[in-house]
Amino acid sequence: MRSSPPPLNRPSILPMLQVCRIPDFRKGLFGQQVALLRETFLQLTEGGGKRDAVWLNKQVAPFGDV
């Protein structure tokens, strides 16, 4: 996990707002959702707007074919 998020600037505000709209389907501890949102935001802002497919599959796999 990264140590600190990038500074908030104009190009990163839209991805931040989009990430904040991700619902907590897992209904786990609050910190787990915050960690998921943080990692998603960092991948979008540092990864050229793309998420790591392996990481995303690990997050979605527990839900199966819903």
PDB file of N, CA and C in Angstrom:
ATOM      1  N   MET A   1       0.845  -1.170   0.000  1.00  0.00           N
ATOM      2  CA  MET A   1       0.000   0.000   0.000  1.00  0.00           C
ATOM      3  C   MET A   1       0.893   1.237   0.000  1.00  0.00           C
ATOM      4  N   ARG A   2       0.436   2.276  -0.651  1.00  0.00           N
ATOM      5  CA  ARG A   2       1.207   3.513  -0.746  1.00  0.00           C
ATOM      6  C   ARG A   2       1.145   4.276   0.572  1.00  0.00           C
ATOM      7  N   SER A   3       2.153   5.092   0.829  1.00  0.00           N
ATOM      8  CA  SER A   3       2.220   5.797   2.108  1.00  0.00           C
ATOM      9  C   SER A   3       1.299   7.013   2.177  1.00  0.00           C
ATOM     10  N   SER A   4       1.203   7.788   1.117  1.00  0.00           N
ATOM     11  CA  SER A   4       0.342   8.966   1.165  1.00  0.00           C
ATOM     12  C   SER A   4      -0.243   9.242  -0.215  1.00  0.00           C
ATOM     13  N   PRO A   5      -1.483   9.739  -0.244  1.00  0.00           N
ATOM     14  CA  PRO A   5      -2.118  10.030  -1.532  1.00  0.00           C
ATOM     15  C   PRO A   5      -1.473  11.241  -2.193  1.00  0.00           C
ATOM     16  N   PRO A   6      -1.646  11.368  -3.508  1.00  0.00           N
ATOM     17  CA  PRO A   6      -1.109  12.538  -4.196  1.00  0.00           C
ATOM     18  C   PRO A   6      -1.858  13.785  -3.740  1.00  0.00           C
ATOM     19  N   PRO A   7      -1.243  14.951  -3.907  1.00  0.00           N
ATOM     20  CA  PRO A   7      -1.946  16.179  -3.511  1.00  0.00           C
ATOM     21  C   PRO A   7      -3.220  16.348  -4.335  1.00  0.00           C
ATOM     22  N   LEU A   8      -4.237  16.858  -3.698  1.00  0.00           N
ATOM     23  CA  LEU A   8      -5.512  17.055  -4.378  1.00  0.00           C
ATOM     24  C   LEU A   8      -5.409  18.288  -5.258  1.00  0.00           C
ATOM     25  N   ASN A   9      -5.620  18.089  -6.545  1.00  0.00           N
ATOM     26  CA  ASN A   9      -5.586  19.198  -7.485  1.00  0.00           C
ATOM     27  C   ASN A   9      -6.785  19.075  -8.420  1.00  0.00           C
ATOM     28  N   ARG A  10      -6.942  20.008  -9.277  1.00  0.00           N
ATOM     29  CA  ARG A  10      -8.125  20.054 -10.139  1.00  0.00           C
ATOM     30  C   ARG A  10      -8.376  18.756 -10.926  1.00  0.00           C
ATOM     31  N   PRO A  11      -7.365  18.159 -11.591  1.00  0.00           N
ATOM     32  CA  PRO A  11      -7.629  16.931 -12.348  1.00  0.00           C
ATOM     33  C   PRO A  11      -7.997  15.731 -11.471  1.00  0.00           C
ATOM     34  N   SER A  12      -7.678  15.766 -10.192  1.00  0.00           N
ATOM     35  CA  SER A  12      -7.984  14.616  -9.347  1.00  0.00           C
ATOM     36  C   SER A  12      -9.329  14.739  -8.631  1.00  0.00           C
ATOM     37  N   ILE A  13     -10.010  15.867  -8.753  1.00  0.00           N
ATOM     38  CA  ILE A  13     -11.276  16.039  -8.040  1.00  0.00           C
ATOM     39  C   ILE A  13     -12.375  15.158  -8.633  1.00  0.00           C
ATOM     40  N   LEU A  14     -12.503  15.081  -9.936  1.00  0.00           N
ATOM     41  CA  LEU A  14     -13.547  14.254 -10.544  1.00  0.00           C
ATOM     42  C   LEU A  14     -13.363  12.779 -10.188  1.00  0.00           C
ATOM     43  N   PRO A  15     -12.159  12.199 -10.329  1.00  0.00           N
ATOM     44  CA  PRO A  15     -12.010  10.803  -9.896  1.00  0.00           C
ATOM     45  C   PRO A  15     -12.338  10.605  -8.409  1.00  0.00           C
ATOM     46  N   MET A  16     -11.985  11.570  -7.577  1.00  0.00           N
ATOM     47  CA  MET A  16     -12.291  11.451  -6.147  1.00  0.00           C
ATOM     48  C   MET A  16     -13.799  11.401  -5.930  1.00  0.00           C
ATOM     49  N   LEU A  17     -14.535  12.269  -6.607  1.00  0.00           N
ATOM     50  CA  LEU A  17     -15.989  12.273  -6.467  1.00  0.00           C
ATOM     51  C   LEU A  17     -16.604  10.980  -6.993  1.00  0.00           C
ATOM     52  N   GLN A  18     -16.073  10.445  -8.077  1.00  0.00           N
ATOM     53  CA  GLN A  18     -16.573   9.182  -8.620  1.00  0.00           C
ATOM     54  C   GLN A  18     -16.301   8.026  -7.664  1.00  0.00           C
ATOM     55  N   VAL A  19     -15.123   8.000  -7.085  1.00  0.00           N
ATOM     56  CA  VAL A  19     -14.766   6.933  -6.151  1.00  0.00           C
ATOM     57  C   VAL A  19     -15.654   6.993  -4.907  1.00  0.00           C
ATOM     58  N   CYS A  20     -15.971   8.178  -4.446  1.00  0.00           N
ATOM     59  CA  CYS A  20     -16.807   8.318  -3.251  1.00  0.00           C
ATOM     60  C   CYS A  20     -18.219   7.781  -3.467  1.00  0.00           C
ATOM     61  N   ARG A  21     -18.615   7.580  -4.692  1.00  0.00           N
ATOM     62  CA  ARG A  21     -19.953   7.054  -5.001  1.00  0.00           C
ATOM     63  C   ARG A  21     -20.008   5.533  -4.963  1.00  0.00           C
ATOM     64  N   ILE A  22     -18.873   4.861  -4.777  1.00  0.00           N
ATOM     65  CA  ILE A  22     -18.847   3.396  -4.746  1.00  0.00           C
ATOM     66  C   ILE A  22     -19.524   2.933  -3.457  1.00  0.00           C
ATOM     67  N   PRO A  23     -20.617   2.150  -3.579  1.00  0.00           N
ATOM     68  CA  PRO A  23     -21.324   1.699  -2.371  1.00  0.00           C
ATOM     69  C   PRO A  23     -20.544   0.605  -1.636  1.00  0.00           C
ATOM     70  N   ASP A  24     -20.857   0.439  -0.376  1.00  0.00           N
ATOM     71  CA  ASP A  24     -20.221  -0.576   0.464  1.00  0.00           C
ATOM     72  C   ASP A  24     -21.036  -1.861   0.396  1.00  0.00           C
ATOM     73  N   PHE A  25     -20.828  -2.644  -0.664  1.00  0.00           N
ATOM     74  CA  PHE A  25     -21.556  -3.897  -0.827  1.00  0.00           C
ATOM     75  C   PHE A  25     -21.108  -4.953   0.170  1.00  0.00           C
ATOM     76  N   ARG A  26     -19.872  -4.858   0.618  1.00  0.00           N
ATOM     77  CA  ARG A  26     -19.340  -5.877   1.521  1.00  0.00           C
ATOM     78  C   ARG A  26     -19.877  -5.738   2.938  1.00  0.00           C
ATOM     79  N   LYS A  27     -20.302  -4.557   3.314  1.00  0.00           N
ATOM     80  CA  LYS A  27     -20.836  -4.284   4.648  1.00  0.00           C
ATOM     81  C   LYS A  27     -19.865  -4.733   5.740  1.00  0.00           C
ATOM     82  N   GLY A  28     -18.585  -4.492   5.505  1.00  0.00           N
ATOM     83  CA  GLY A  28     -17.563  -4.840   6.484  1.00  0.00           C
ATOM     84  C   GLY A  28     -17.303  -3.675   7.415  1.00  0.00           C
ATOM     85  N   LEU A  29     -16.142  -3.678   7.994  1.00  0.00           N
ATOM     86  CA  LEU A  29     -15.750  -2.588   8.868  1.00  0.00           C
ATOM     87  C   LEU A  29     -15.547  -1.320   8.045  1.00  0.00           C
ATOM     88  N   PHE A  30     -15.796  -0.170   8.657  1.00  0.00           N
ATOM     89  CA  PHE A  30     -15.675   1.102   7.961  1.00  0.00           C
ATOM     90  C   PHE A  30     -14.285   1.278   7.355  1.00  0.00           C
ATOM     91  N   GLY A  31     -13.251   0.883   8.071  1.00  0.00           N
ATOM     92  CA  GLY A  31     -11.882   1.020   7.585  1.00  0.00           C
ATOM     93  C   GLY A  31     -11.615   0.224   6.319  1.00  0.00           C
ATOM     94  N   GLN A  32     -12.313  -0.888   6.159  1.00  0.00           N
ATOM     95  CA  GLN A  32     -12.142  -1.693   4.947  1.00  0.00           C
ATOM     96  C   GLN A  32     -12.662  -0.939   3.727  1.00  0.00           C
ATOM     97  N   GLN A  33     -13.785  -0.279   3.864  1.00  0.00           N
ATOM     98  CA  GLN A  33     -14.341   0.490   2.751  1.00  0.00           C
ATOM     99  C   GLN A  33     -13.448   1.678   2.423  1.00  0.00           C
ATOM    100  N   VAL A  34     -12.947   2.330   3.449  1.00  0.00           N
ATOM    101  CA  VAL A  34     -12.055   3.472   3.238  1.00  0.00           C
ATOM    102  C   VAL A  34     -10.804   3.015   2.492  1.00  0.00           C
ATOM    103  N   ALA A  35     -10.245   1.865   2.875  1.00  0.00           N
ATOM    104  CA  ALA A  35      -9.050   1.334   2.207  1.00  0.00           C
ATOM    105  C   ALA A  35      -9.349   1.004   0.747  1.00  0.00           C
ATOM    106  N   LEU A  36     -10.527   0.441   0.478  1.00  0.00           N
ATOM    107  CA  LEU A  36     -10.921   0.129  -0.896  1.00  0.00           C
ATOM    108  C   LEU A  36     -11.037   1.407  -1.722  1.00  0.00           C
ATOM    109  N   LEU A  37     -11.690   2.410  -1.179  1.00  0.00           N
ATOM    110  CA  LEU A  37     -11.860   3.676  -1.899  1.00  0.00           C
ATOM    111  C   LEU A  37     -10.518   4.359  -2.120  1.00  0.00           C
ATOM    112  N   ARG A  38      -9.664   4.313  -1.126  1.00  0.00           N
ATOM    113  CA  ARG A  38      -8.340   4.934  -1.242  1.00  0.00           C
ATOM    114  C   ARG A  38      -7.525   4.278  -2.353  1.00  0.00           C
ATOM    115  N   GLU A  39      -7.486   2.953  -2.345  1.00  0.00           N
ATOM    116  CA  GLU A  39      -6.708   2.237  -3.363  1.00  0.00           C
ATOM    117  C   GLU A  39      -7.281   2.481  -4.758  1.00  0.00           C
ATOM    118  N   THR A  40      -8.609   2.504  -4.864  1.00  0.00           N
ATOM    119  CA  THR A  40      -9.242   2.780  -6.156  1.00  0.00           C
ATOM    120  C   THR A  40      -8.865   4.173  -6.652  1.00  0.00           C
ATOM    121  N   PHE A  41      -8.938   5.155  -5.762  1.00  0.00           N
ATOM    122  CA  PHE A  41      -8.580   6.527  -6.132  1.00  0.00           C
ATOM    123  C   PHE A  41      -7.122   6.614  -6.566  1.00  0.00           C
ATOM    124  N   LEU A  42      -6.230   5.995  -5.818  1.00  0.00           N
ATOM    125  CA  LEU A  42      -4.814   6.051  -6.165  1.00  0.00           C
ATOM    126  C   LEU A  42      -4.538   5.381  -7.506  1.00  0.00           C
ATOM    127  N   GLN A  43      -5.214   4.270  -7.770  1.00  0.00           N
ATOM    128  CA  GLN A  43      -5.018   3.615  -9.063  1.00  0.00           C
ATOM    129  C   GLN A  43      -5.518   4.490 -10.207  1.00  0.00           C
ATOM    130  N   LEU A  44      -6.638   5.160 -10.003  1.00  0.00           N
ATOM    131  CA  LEU A  44      -7.173   6.020 -11.062  1.00  0.00           C
ATOM    132  C   LEU A  44      -6.288   7.235 -11.312  1.00  0.00           C
ATOM    133  N   THR A  45      -5.751   7.823 -10.252  1.00  0.00           N
ATOM    134  CA  THR A  45      -4.977   9.045 -10.418  1.00  0.00           C
ATOM    135  C   THR A  45      -3.519   8.786 -10.773  1.00  0.00           C
ATOM    136  N   GLU A  46      -2.973   7.665 -10.318  1.00  0.00           N
ATOM    137  CA  GLU A  46      -1.571   7.368 -10.603  1.00  0.00           C
ATOM    138  C   GLU A  46      -1.398   6.387 -11.748  1.00  0.00           C
ATOM    139  N   GLY A  47      -2.467   5.721 -12.131  1.00  0.00           N
ATOM    140  CA  GLY A  47      -2.373   4.700 -13.169  1.00  0.00           C
ATOM    141  C   GLY A  47      -2.941   5.136 -14.503  1.00  0.00           C
ATOM    142  N   GLY A  48      -2.987   6.423 -14.733  1.00  0.00           N
ATOM    143  CA  GLY A  48      -3.486   6.910 -16.011  1.00  0.00           C
ATOM    144  C   GLY A  48      -4.965   6.652 -16.216  1.00  0.00           C
ATOM    145  N   GLY A  49      -5.727   6.605 -15.129  1.00  0.00           N
ATOM    146  CA  GLY A  49      -7.168   6.392 -15.232  1.00  0.00           C
ATOM    147  C   GLY A  49      -7.571   4.941 -15.336  1.00  0.00           C
ATOM    148  N   LYS A  50      -6.625   4.023 -15.118  1.00  0.00           N
ATOM    149  CA  LYS A  50      -6.928   2.589 -15.220  1.00  0.00           C
ATOM    150  C   LYS A  50      -6.668   1.908 -13.889  1.00  0.00           C
ATOM    151  N   ARG A  51      -7.472   0.880 -13.627  1.00  0.00           N
ATOM    152  CA  ARG A  51      -7.286   0.078 -12.426  1.00  0.00           C
ATOM    153  C   ARG A  51      -6.534  -1.196 -12.775  1.00  0.00           C
ATOM    154  N   ASP A  52      -5.826  -1.731 -11.802  1.00  0.00           N
ATOM    155  CA  ASP A  52      -5.109  -2.988 -11.976  1.00  0.00           C
ATOM    156  C   ASP A  52      -6.141  -4.109 -12.051  1.00  0.00           C
ATOM    157  N   ALA A  53      -6.189  -4.845 -13.154  1.00  0.00           N
ATOM    158  CA  ALA A  53      -7.194  -5.884 -13.380  1.00  0.00           C
ATOM    159  C   ALA A  53      -7.107  -6.998 -12.339  1.00  0.00           C
ATOM    160  N   VAL A  54      -5.921  -7.393 -11.946  1.00  0.00           N
ATOM    161  CA  VAL A  54      -5.768  -8.460 -10.950  1.00  0.00           C
ATOM    162  C   VAL A  54      -6.351  -8.015  -9.613  1.00  0.00           C
ATOM    163  N   TRP A  55      -6.011  -6.810  -9.192  1.00  0.00           N
ATOM    164  CA  TRP A  55      -6.533  -6.271  -7.932  1.00  0.00           C
ATOM    165  C   TRP A  55      -8.059  -6.169  -7.989  1.00  0.00           C
ATOM    166  N   LEU A  56      -8.586  -5.663  -9.086  1.00  0.00           N
ATOM    167  CA  LEU A  56     -10.032  -5.507  -9.227  1.00  0.00           C
ATOM    168  C   LEU A  56     -10.736  -6.859  -9.166  1.00  0.00           C
ATOM    169  N   ASN A  57     -10.178  -7.875  -9.830  1.00  0.00           N
ATOM    170  CA  ASN A  57     -10.774  -9.212  -9.793  1.00  0.00           C
ATOM    171  C   ASN A  57     -10.804  -9.778  -8.383  1.00  0.00           C
ATOM    172  N   LYS A  58      -9.760  -9.516  -7.588  1.00  0.00           N
ATOM    173  CA  LYS A  58      -9.745  -9.978  -6.190  1.00  0.00           C
ATOM    174  C   LYS A  58     -10.850  -9.309  -5.372  1.00  0.00           C
ATOM    175  N   GLN A  59     -11.153  -8.069  -5.684  1.00  0.00           N
ATOM    176  CA  GLN A  59     -12.175  -7.344  -4.949  1.00  0.00           C
ATOM    177  C   GLN A  59     -13.580  -7.823  -5.329  1.00  0.00           C
ATOM    178  N   VAL A  60     -13.765  -8.201  -6.572  1.00  0.00           N
ATOM    179  CA  VAL A  60     -15.079  -8.569  -7.091  1.00  0.00           C
ATOM    180  C   VAL A  60     -15.361 -10.065  -6.926  1.00  0.00           C
ATOM    181  N   ALA A  61     -14.347 -10.895  -6.903  1.00  0.00           N
ATOM    182  CA  ALA A  61     -14.499 -12.350  -6.866  1.00  0.00           C
ATOM    183  C   ALA A  61     -15.419 -12.855  -5.738  1.00  0.00           C
ATOM    184  N   PRO A  62     -15.348 -12.305  -4.535  1.00  0.00           N
ATOM    185  CA  PRO A  62     -16.229 -12.832  -3.466  1.00  0.00           C
ATOM    186  C   PRO A  62     -17.715 -12.714  -3.765  1.00  0.00           C
ATOM    187  N   PHE A  63     -18.088 -11.863  -4.680  1.00  0.00           N
ATOM    188  CA  PHE A  63     -19.508 -11.690  -4.996  1.00  0.00           C
ATOM    189  C   PHE A  63     -20.028 -12.730  -5.968  1.00  0.00           C
ATOM    190  N   GLY A  64     -19.130 -13.441  -6.647  1.00  0.00           N
ATOM    191  CA  GLY A  64     -19.538 -14.470  -7.595  1.00  0.00           C
ATOM    192  C   GLY A  64     -20.328 -13.883  -8.758  1.00  0.00           C
ATOM    193  N   ASP A  65     -21.194 -14.690  -9.310  1.00  0.00           N
ATOM    194  CA  ASP A  65     -22.019 -14.258 -10.450  1.00  0.00           C
ATOM    195  C   ASP A  65     -23.358 -13.744  -9.932  1.00  0.00           C
ATOM    196  N   VAL A  66     -23.359 -12.500  -9.550  1.00  0.00           N
ATOM    197  CA  VAL A  66     -24.585 -11.895  -9.011  1.00  0.00           C
ATOM    198  C   VAL A  66     -25.362 -11.282 -10.134  1.00  0.00           C
TER     199      VAL A  66
END
